[in-house]
Amino acid sequence: MDRNFMDDIEKKTGVKKEDIFKLADSVQNANLRDEKTIRQLISQVSRMAGVPVSKEKEDQIVKAIINNNIPLDMASIAKMFNKK
């Protein structure tokens, strides 16, 4: 991955690139059919980013992942997170 890209992400989010890589590794080996695992990942990302995720939003994310309804484009993902 491009070093400048990761530096830009770190600057914008305040999340260390090492933490991003650790998260990526954990997701790669995660059972994304297991609700408990998905909720743990959501919690981990929420803490890393310093962005709280409501129970309702967490439920929506879990349902989308389990049902394989994850959008592949960033605009749709951003819209999903910004819905109130």
Protein backbone atom coordinates (compact mmCIF):
# COMPACT_ATOMS: atom_id res chain seq x y z
CA MET A 1 0.00 0.00 0.00
CA ASP A 2 1.22 3.51 -0.79
CA ARG A 3 3.02 5.04 2.20
CA ASN A 4 1.70 8.55 1.48
CA PHE A 5 -1.85 7.21 1.35
CA MET A 6 -1.49 5.64 4.79
CA ASP A 7 0.12 8.82 6.16
CA ASP A 8 -2.86 10.81 4.85
CA ILE A 9 -5.31 8.43 6.51
CA GLU A 10 -3.41 8.71 9.80
CA LYS A 11 -3.48 12.52 9.63
CA LYS A 12 -7.20 12.65 8.78
CA THR A 13 -8.38 10.07 11.31
CA GLY A 14 -5.82 10.28 14.08
CA VAL A 15 -5.57 6.49 13.96
CA LYS A 16 -2.02 5.15 13.77
CA LYS A 17 -1.28 3.26 10.59
CA GLU A 18 0.10 0.38 12.66
CA ASP A 19 -3.32 0.07 14.31
CA ILE A 20 -5.00 0.11 10.90
CA PHE A 21 -2.77 -2.72 9.72
CA LYS A 22 -3.47 -4.72 12.90
CA LEU A 23 -7.19 -4.23 12.37
CA ALA A 24 -6.90 -5.31 8.73
CA ASP A 25 -5.07 -8.46 9.81
CA SER A 26 -7.74 -9.29 12.39
CA VAL A 27 -10.55 -8.76 9.87
CA GLN A 28 -8.80 -10.98 7.36
CA ASN A 29 -9.02 -13.94 9.74
CA ALA A 30 -12.38 -13.06 11.30
CA ASN A 31 -15.52 -15.12 10.96
CA LEU A 32 -17.85 -12.52 9.46
CA ARG A 33 -20.80 -14.87 9.85
CA ASP A 34 -20.50 -14.74 13.64
CA GLU A 35 -22.51 -11.91 15.18
CA LYS A 36 -20.31 -11.69 18.28
CA THR A 37 -17.17 -11.33 16.16
CA ILE A 38 -18.76 -8.62 14.03
CA ARG A 39 -19.87 -6.68 17.10
CA GLN A 40 -16.33 -6.90 18.53
CA LEU A 41 -14.89 -5.53 15.27
CA ILE A 42 -17.41 -2.68 15.25
CA SER A 43 -16.51 -1.83 18.83
CA GLN A 44 -12.80 -1.94 18.03
CA VAL A 45 -13.17 0.37 15.02
CA SER A 46 -15.39 2.71 17.01
CA ARG A 47 -12.79 3.01 19.79
CA MET A 48 -9.93 3.46 17.32
CA ALA A 49 -11.72 6.22 15.44
CA GLY A 50 -13.17 7.84 18.55
CA VAL A 51 -16.62 7.70 16.99
CA PRO A 52 -19.47 6.24 19.04
CA VAL A 53 -21.79 3.77 17.31
CA SER A 54 -25.34 3.57 18.60
CA LYS A 55 -26.92 0.19 19.33
CA GLU A 56 -29.31 0.79 16.42
CA LYS A 57 -26.46 1.57 14.00
CA GLU A 58 -24.48 -1.44 15.27
CA ASP A 59 -27.51 -3.68 14.66
CA GLN A 60 -27.83 -2.32 11.10
CA ILE A 61 -24.15 -2.94 10.37
CA VAL A 62 -24.29 -6.47 11.80
CA LYS A 63 -27.39 -7.30 9.77
CA ALA A 64 -25.82 -5.93 6.58
CA ILE A 65 -22.63 -7.94 7.07
CA ILE A 66 -24.40 -11.19 7.96
CA ASN A 67 -26.81 -10.83 5.02
CA ASN A 68 -23.95 -9.96 2.66
CA ASN A 69 -25.56 -6.57 1.94
CA ILE A 70 -22.38 -4.54 2.19
CA PRO A 71 -22.08 -1.85 -0.47
CA LEU A 72 -18.79 -1.86 -2.32
CA ASP A 73 -18.53 1.85 -3.12
CA MET A 74 -17.42 4.43 -0.58
CA ALA A 75 -20.36 6.78 -1.21
CA SER A 76 -22.85 4.08 -0.20
CA ILE A 77 -20.80 3.13 2.84
CA ALA A 78 -20.57 6.77 3.95
CA LYS A 79 -24.33 7.20 3.46
CA MET A 80 -24.97 4.10 5.59
CA PHE A 81 -22.92 5.51 8.47
CA ASN A 82 -24.43 9.00 8.25
CA LYS A 83 -28.08 7.91 8.40
CA LYS A 84 -29.78 8.99 11.62
